[in-house]
Amino acid sequence: MNLTTKEMIVTSLFAALTAIGALLTIPIGPVPVTLQVLFTLTAGALLGARLGLLSQILYLFIGAVGLPVYA
């Protein structure tokens, strides 16, 4: 898979936004809602299936390495 520099930057940006969105909560009712869902769906809508999936795999990899990015 050959990626251009722009595709790498945008994919990494959405992985970072997903990680940041997991930490931001909106207190609606008894269960707070995180912005992680918004950034995940936005990545798929704006980047397409291939790059959206790649950004979320990168997010999972960042969490698997040990950084505290999961909600």
PDB file of N, CA and C in Angstrom:
ATOM      1  N   MET A   1       0.841  -1.162   0.000  1.00  0.00           N
ATOM      2  CA  MET A   1       0.000   0.000   0.000  1.00  0.00           C
ATOM      3  C   MET A   1       0.891   1.232   0.000  1.00  0.00           C
ATOM      4  N   ASN A   2       0.854   1.967  -1.062  1.00  0.00           N
ATOM      5  CA  ASN A   2       1.627   3.198  -1.161  1.00  0.00           C
ATOM      6  C   ASN A   2       0.748   4.378  -0.771  1.00  0.00           C
ATOM      7  N   LEU A   3       1.191   5.119   0.236  1.00  0.00           N
ATOM      8  CA  LEU A   3       0.457   6.290   0.700  1.00  0.00           C
ATOM      9  C   LEU A   3       1.242   7.550   0.385  1.00  0.00           C
ATOM     10  N   THR A   4       0.523   8.579   0.004  1.00  0.00           N
ATOM     11  CA  THR A   4       1.174   9.867  -0.188  1.00  0.00           C
ATOM     12  C   THR A   4       1.397  10.513   1.176  1.00  0.00           C
ATOM     13  N   THR A   5       2.196  11.551   1.188  1.00  0.00           N
ATOM     14  CA  THR A   5       2.474  12.251   2.440  1.00  0.00           C
ATOM     15  C   THR A   5       1.198  12.843   3.021  1.00  0.00           C
ATOM     16  N   LYS A   6       0.353  13.385   2.179  1.00  0.00           N
ATOM     17  CA  LYS A   6      -0.915  13.964   2.638  1.00  0.00           C
ATOM     18  C   LYS A   6      -1.797  12.896   3.280  1.00  0.00           C
ATOM     19  N   GLU A   7      -1.872  11.715   2.673  1.00  0.00           N
ATOM     20  CA  GLU A   7      -2.686  10.635   3.232  1.00  0.00           C
ATOM     21  C   GLU A   7      -2.146  10.177   4.580  1.00  0.00           C
ATOM     22  N   MET A   8      -0.824  10.109   4.718  1.00  0.00           N
ATOM     23  CA  MET A   8      -0.235   9.721   6.000  1.00  0.00           C
ATOM     24  C   MET A   8      -0.543  10.736   7.088  1.00  0.00           C
ATOM     25  N   ILE A   9      -0.444  12.017   6.744  1.00  0.00           N
ATOM     26  CA  ILE A   9      -0.692  13.073   7.731  1.00  0.00           C
ATOM     27  C   ILE A   9      -2.158  13.078   8.159  1.00  0.00           C
ATOM     28  N   VAL A  10      -3.069  12.983   7.202  1.00  0.00           N
ATOM     29  CA  VAL A  10      -4.494  13.019   7.530  1.00  0.00           C
ATOM     30  C   VAL A  10      -4.895  11.772   8.318  1.00  0.00           C
ATOM     31  N   THR A  11      -4.352  10.621   7.969  1.00  0.00           N
ATOM     32  CA  THR A  11      -4.640   9.396   8.702  1.00  0.00           C
ATOM     33  C   THR A  11      -4.134   9.490  10.133  1.00  0.00           C
ATOM     34  N   SER A  12      -2.935   9.995  10.313  1.00  0.00           N
ATOM     35  CA  SER A  12      -2.387  10.172  11.659  1.00  0.00           C
ATOM     36  C   SER A  12      -3.178  11.204  12.449  1.00  0.00           C
ATOM     37  N   LEU A  13      -3.639  12.249  11.777  1.00  0.00           N
ATOM     38  CA  LEU A  13      -4.434  13.278  12.440  1.00  0.00           C
ATOM     39  C   LEU A  13      -5.734  12.698  12.979  1.00  0.00           C
ATOM     40  N   PHE A  14      -6.402  11.870  12.197  1.00  0.00           N
ATOM     41  CA  PHE A  14      -7.647  11.286  12.674  1.00  0.00           C
ATOM     42  C   PHE A  14      -7.407  10.243  13.759  1.00  0.00           C
ATOM     43  N   ALA A  15      -6.274   9.557  13.737  1.00  0.00           N
ATOM     44  CA  ALA A  15      -5.944   8.661  14.846  1.00  0.00           C
ATOM     45  C   ALA A  15      -5.738   9.465  16.127  1.00  0.00           C
ATOM     46  N   ALA A  16      -5.072  10.612  16.023  1.00  0.00           N
ATOM     47  CA  ALA A  16      -4.861  11.474  17.188  1.00  0.00           C
ATOM     48  C   ALA A  16      -6.177  12.091  17.660  1.00  0.00           C
ATOM     49  N   LEU A  17      -7.027  12.512  16.730  1.00  0.00           N
ATOM     50  CA  LEU A  17      -8.324  13.069  17.114  1.00  0.00           C
ATOM     51  C   LEU A  17      -9.194  12.029  17.808  1.00  0.00           C
ATOM     52  N   THR A  18      -9.122  10.787  17.376  1.00  0.00           N
ATOM     53  CA  THR A  18      -9.870   9.720  18.027  1.00  0.00           C
ATOM     54  C   THR A  18      -9.369   9.512  19.450  1.00  0.00           C
ATOM     55  N   ALA A  19      -8.053   9.567  19.640  1.00  0.00           N
ATOM     56  CA  ALA A  19      -7.484   9.418  20.983  1.00  0.00           C
ATOM     57  C   ALA A  19      -7.887  10.579  21.884  1.00  0.00           C
ATOM     58  N   ILE A  20      -7.864  11.787  21.360  1.00  0.00           N
ATOM     59  CA  ILE A  20      -8.264  12.954  22.151  1.00  0.00           C
ATOM     60  C   ILE A  20      -9.769  12.919  22.423  1.00  0.00           C
ATOM     61  N   GLY A  21     -10.536  12.506  21.438  1.00  0.00           N
ATOM     62  CA  GLY A  21     -11.985  12.421  21.602  1.00  0.00           C
ATOM     63  C   GLY A  21     -12.412  11.405  22.639  1.00  0.00           C
ATOM     64  N   ALA A  22     -11.591  10.387  22.876  1.00  0.00           N
ATOM     65  CA  ALA A  22     -11.909   9.399  23.904  1.00  0.00           C
ATOM     66  C   ALA A  22     -11.834  10.014  25.295  1.00  0.00           C
ATOM     67  N   LEU A  23     -11.059  11.060  25.448  1.00  0.00           N
ATOM     68  CA  LEU A  23     -10.900  11.701  26.751  1.00  0.00           C
ATOM     69  C   LEU A  23     -11.920  12.807  26.990  1.00  0.00           C
ATOM     70  N   LEU A  24     -12.543  13.318  25.941  1.00  0.00           N
ATOM     71  CA  LEU A  24     -13.521  14.395  26.066  1.00  0.00           C
ATOM     72  C   LEU A  24     -14.922  13.802  26.180  1.00  0.00           C
ATOM     73  N   THR A  25     -15.609  14.108  27.272  1.00  0.00           N
ATOM     74  CA  THR A  25     -16.939  13.545  27.485  1.00  0.00           C
ATOM     75  C   THR A  25     -17.988  14.641  27.517  1.00  0.00           C
ATOM     76  N   ILE A  26     -19.181  14.262  27.110  1.00  0.00           N
ATOM     77  CA  ILE A  26     -20.346  15.135  27.190  1.00  0.00           C
ATOM     78  C   ILE A  26     -21.304  14.473  28.181  1.00  0.00           C
ATOM     79  N   PRO A  27     -21.519  15.093  29.344  1.00  0.00           N
ATOM     80  CA  PRO A  27     -22.370  14.459  30.361  1.00  0.00           C
ATOM     81  C   PRO A  27     -23.858  14.579  30.025  1.00  0.00           C
ATOM     82  N   ILE A  28     -24.374  13.602  29.312  1.00  0.00           N
ATOM     83  CA  ILE A  28     -25.794  13.558  28.962  1.00  0.00           C
ATOM     84  C   ILE A  28     -26.399  12.353  29.673  1.00  0.00           C
ATOM     85  N   GLY A  29     -27.223  12.600  30.647  1.00  0.00           N
ATOM     86  CA  GLY A  29     -27.868  11.513  31.373  1.00  0.00           C
ATOM     87  C   GLY A  29     -26.886  10.760  32.246  1.00  0.00           C
ATOM     88  N   PRO A  30     -27.245   9.536  32.613  1.00  0.00           N
ATOM     89  CA  PRO A  30     -26.382   8.769  33.521  1.00  0.00           C
ATOM     90  C   PRO A  30     -25.110   8.228  32.862  1.00  0.00           C
ATOM     91  N   VAL A  31     -25.117   8.102  31.549  1.00  0.00           N
ATOM     92  CA  VAL A  31     -23.947   7.576  30.846  1.00  0.00           C
ATOM     93  C   VAL A  31     -23.349   8.692  29.995  1.00  0.00           C
ATOM     94  N   PRO A  32     -22.101   9.096  30.274  1.00  0.00           N
ATOM     95  CA  PRO A  32     -21.504  10.162  29.463  1.00  0.00           C
ATOM     96  C   PRO A  32     -21.154   9.667  28.055  1.00  0.00           C
ATOM     97  N   VAL A  33     -21.243  10.565  27.112  1.00  0.00           N
ATOM     98  CA  VAL A  33     -20.941  10.256  25.712  1.00  0.00           C
ATOM     99  C   VAL A  33     -19.583  10.863  25.383  1.00  0.00           C
ATOM    100  N   THR A  34     -18.719  10.086  24.745  1.00  0.00           N
ATOM    101  CA  THR A  34     -17.413  10.616  24.357  1.00  0.00           C
ATOM    102  C   THR A  34     -17.456  11.079  22.905  1.00  0.00           C
ATOM    103  N   LEU A  35     -16.517  11.936  22.555  1.00  0.00           N
ATOM    104  CA  LEU A  35     -16.420  12.421  21.180  1.00  0.00           C
ATOM    105  C   LEU A  35     -15.665  11.441  20.278  1.00  0.00           C
ATOM    106  N   GLN A  36     -15.254  10.320  20.854  1.00  0.00           N
ATOM    107  CA  GLN A  36     -14.536   9.307  20.093  1.00  0.00           C
ATOM    108  C   GLN A  36     -15.395   8.778  18.942  1.00  0.00           C
ATOM    109  N   VAL A  37     -16.662   8.582  19.202  1.00  0.00           N
ATOM    110  CA  VAL A  37     -17.562   8.074  18.163  1.00  0.00           C
ATOM    111  C   VAL A  37     -17.657   9.067  17.008  1.00  0.00           C
ATOM    112  N   LEU A  38     -17.735  10.350  17.331  1.00  0.00           N
ATOM    113  CA  LEU A  38     -17.815  11.382  16.296  1.00  0.00           C
ATOM    114  C   LEU A  38     -16.596  11.341  15.384  1.00  0.00           C
ATOM    115  N   PHE A  39     -15.400  11.275  15.979  1.00  0.00           N
ATOM    116  CA  PHE A  39     -14.187  11.284  15.164  1.00  0.00           C
ATOM    117  C   PHE A  39     -14.008   9.977  14.391  1.00  0.00           C
ATOM    118  N   THR A  40     -14.474   8.871  14.947  1.00  0.00           N
ATOM    119  CA  THR A  40     -14.390   7.600  14.230  1.00  0.00           C
ATOM    120  C   THR A  40     -15.279   7.622  12.986  1.00  0.00           C
ATOM    121  N   LEU A  41     -16.509   8.087  13.153  1.00  0.00           N
ATOM    122  CA  LEU A  41     -17.421   8.149  12.012  1.00  0.00           C
ATOM    123  C   LEU A  41     -16.989   9.202  10.996  1.00  0.00           C
ATOM    124  N   THR A  42     -16.438  10.312  11.480  1.00  0.00           N
ATOM    125  CA  THR A  42     -15.957  11.354  10.576  1.00  0.00           C
ATOM    126  C   THR A  42     -14.767  10.860   9.759  1.00  0.00           C
ATOM    127  N   ALA A  43     -13.897  10.076  10.386  1.00  0.00           N
ATOM    128  CA  ALA A  43     -12.755   9.519   9.656  1.00  0.00           C
ATOM    129  C   ALA A  43     -13.228   8.627   8.516  1.00  0.00           C
ATOM    130  N   GLY A  44     -14.205   7.791   8.791  1.00  0.00           N
ATOM    131  CA  GLY A  44     -14.731   6.928   7.739  1.00  0.00           C
ATOM    132  C   GLY A  44     -15.433   7.700   6.636  1.00  0.00           C
ATOM    133  N   ALA A  45     -16.145   8.760   7.017  1.00  0.00           N
ATOM    134  CA  ALA A  45     -16.896   9.533   6.025  1.00  0.00           C
ATOM    135  C   ALA A  45     -15.983  10.394   5.160  1.00  0.00           C
ATOM    136  N   LEU A  46     -14.987  11.021   5.768  1.00  0.00           N
ATOM    137  CA  LEU A  46     -14.132  11.939   5.015  1.00  0.00           C
ATOM    138  C   LEU A  46     -12.970  11.247   4.308  1.00  0.00           C
ATOM    139  N   LEU A  47     -12.409  10.227   4.941  1.00  0.00           N
ATOM    140  CA  LEU A  47     -11.220   9.589   4.369  1.00  0.00           C
ATOM    141  C   LEU A  47     -11.552   8.418   3.458  1.00  0.00           C
ATOM    142  N   GLY A  48     -12.729   7.870   3.592  1.00  0.00           N
ATOM    143  CA  GLY A  48     -13.068   6.683   2.828  1.00  0.00           C
ATOM    144  C   GLY A  48     -12.772   5.430   3.638  1.00  0.00           C
ATOM    145  N   ALA A  49     -13.134   4.307   3.074  1.00  0.00           N
ATOM    146  CA  ALA A  49     -13.027   3.049   3.811  1.00  0.00           C
ATOM    147  C   ALA A  49     -11.581   2.669   4.121  1.00  0.00           C
ATOM    148  N   ARG A  50     -10.705   2.783   3.153  1.00  0.00           N
ATOM    149  CA  ARG A  50      -9.319   2.326   3.327  1.00  0.00           C
ATOM    150  C   ARG A  50      -8.564   3.179   4.335  1.00  0.00           C
ATOM    151  N   LEU A  51      -8.578   4.489   4.164  1.00  0.00           N
ATOM    152  CA  LEU A  51      -7.829   5.358   5.067  1.00  0.00           C
ATOM    153  C   LEU A  51      -8.521   5.500   6.416  1.00  0.00           C
ATOM    154  N   GLY A  52      -9.852   5.466   6.434  1.00  0.00           N
ATOM    155  CA  GLY A  52     -10.574   5.506   7.705  1.00  0.00           C
ATOM    156  C   GLY A  52     -10.252   4.295   8.554  1.00  0.00           C
ATOM    157  N   LEU A  53     -10.233   3.122   7.923  1.00  0.00           N
ATOM    158  CA  LEU A  53      -9.861   1.905   8.641  1.00  0.00           C
ATOM    159  C   LEU A  53      -8.414   1.967   9.101  1.00  0.00           C
ATOM    160  N   LEU A  54      -7.540   2.469   8.266  1.00  0.00           N
ATOM    161  CA  LEU A  54      -6.129   2.579   8.632  1.00  0.00           C
ATOM    162  C   LEU A  54      -5.936   3.508   9.827  1.00  0.00           C
ATOM    163  N   SER A  55      -6.688   4.601   9.886  1.00  0.00           N
ATOM    164  CA  SER A  55      -6.559   5.517  11.023  1.00  0.00           C
ATOM    165  C   SER A  55      -7.025   4.857  12.316  1.00  0.00           C
ATOM    166  N   GLN A  56      -8.053   4.030  12.248  1.00  0.00           N
ATOM    167  CA  GLN A  56      -8.534   3.364  13.458  1.00  0.00           C
ATOM    168  C   GLN A  56      -7.620   2.209  13.865  1.00  0.00           C
ATOM    169  N   ILE A  57      -7.005   1.546  12.906  1.00  0.00           N
ATOM    170  CA  ILE A  57      -6.003   0.522  13.232  1.00  0.00           C
ATOM    171  C   ILE A  57      -4.801   1.173  13.887  1.00  0.00           C
ATOM    172  N   LEU A  58      -4.412   2.343  13.407  1.00  0.00           N
ATOM    173  CA  LEU A  58      -3.321   3.092  14.026  1.00  0.00           C
ATOM    174  C   LEU A  58      -3.684   3.481  15.452  1.00  0.00           C
ATOM    175  N   TYR A  59      -4.927   3.900  15.682  1.00  0.00           N
ATOM    176  CA  TYR A  59      -5.391   4.233  17.033  1.00  0.00           C
ATOM    177  C   TYR A  59      -5.308   3.011  17.946  1.00  0.00           C
ATOM    178  N   LEU A  60      -5.748   1.855  17.465  1.00  0.00           N
ATOM    179  CA  LEU A  60      -5.667   0.631  18.264  1.00  0.00           C
ATOM    180  C   LEU A  60      -4.224   0.239  18.539  1.00  0.00           C
ATOM    181  N   PHE A  61      -3.347   0.442  17.566  1.00  0.00           N
ATOM    182  CA  PHE A  61      -1.927   0.138  17.749  1.00  0.00           C
ATOM    183  C   PHE A  61      -1.309   1.039  18.812  1.00  0.00           C
ATOM    184  N   ILE A  62      -1.671   2.321  18.796  1.00  0.00           N
ATOM    185  CA  ILE A  62      -1.160   3.260  19.801  1.00  0.00           C
ATOM    186  C   ILE A  62      -1.574   2.800  21.196  1.00  0.00           C
ATOM    187  N   GLY A  63      -2.815   2.352  21.334  1.00  0.00           N
ATOM    188  CA  GLY A  63      -3.277   1.847  22.627  1.00  0.00           C
ATOM    189  C   GLY A  63      -2.619   0.535  23.007  1.00  0.00           C
ATOM    190  N   ALA A  64      -2.366  -0.330  22.034  1.00  0.00           N
ATOM    191  CA  ALA A  64      -1.730  -1.616  22.317  1.00  0.00           C
ATOM    192  C   ALA A  64      -0.283  -1.451  22.751  1.00  0.00           C
ATOM    193  N   VAL A  65       0.356  -0.393  22.280  1.00  0.00           N
ATOM    194  CA  VAL A  65       1.741  -0.124  22.673  1.00  0.00           C
ATOM    195  C   VAL A  65       1.807   0.262  24.145  1.00  0.00           C
ATOM    196  N   GLY A  66       0.733   0.846  24.658  1.00  0.00           N
ATOM    197  CA  GLY A  66       0.705   1.173  26.074  1.00  0.00           C
ATOM    198  C   GLY A  66       0.333   2.600  26.413  1.00  0.00           C
ATOM    199  N   LEU A  67       0.082   3.421  25.407  1.00  0.00           N
ATOM    200  CA  LEU A  67      -0.332   4.792  25.698  1.00  0.00           C
ATOM    201  C   LEU A  67      -1.789   4.797  26.168  1.00  0.00           C
ATOM    202  N   PRO A  68      -2.120   5.609  27.163  1.00  0.00           N
ATOM    203  CA  PRO A  68      -3.488   5.607  27.718  1.00  0.00           C
ATOM    204  C   PRO A  68      -4.468   6.388  26.845  1.00  0.00           C
ATOM    205  N   VAL A  69      -4.903   5.805  25.761  1.00  0.00           N
ATOM    206  CA  VAL A  69      -5.790   6.499  24.832  1.00  0.00           C
ATOM    207  C   VAL A  69      -7.206   5.942  24.827  1.00  0.00           C
ATOM    208  N   TYR A  70      -7.427   4.826  25.484  1.00  0.00           N
ATOM    209  CA  TYR A  70      -8.761   4.231  25.466  1.00  0.00           C
ATOM    210  C   TYR A  70      -9.665   4.919  26.469  1.00  0.00           C
ATOM    211  N   ALA A  71     -10.949   5.028  26.112  1.00  0.00           N
ATOM    212  CA  ALA A  71     -11.927   5.689  26.997  1.00  0.00           C
ATOM    213  C   ALA A  71     -12.191   4.834  28.223  1.00  0.00           C
TER     214      ALA A  71
END
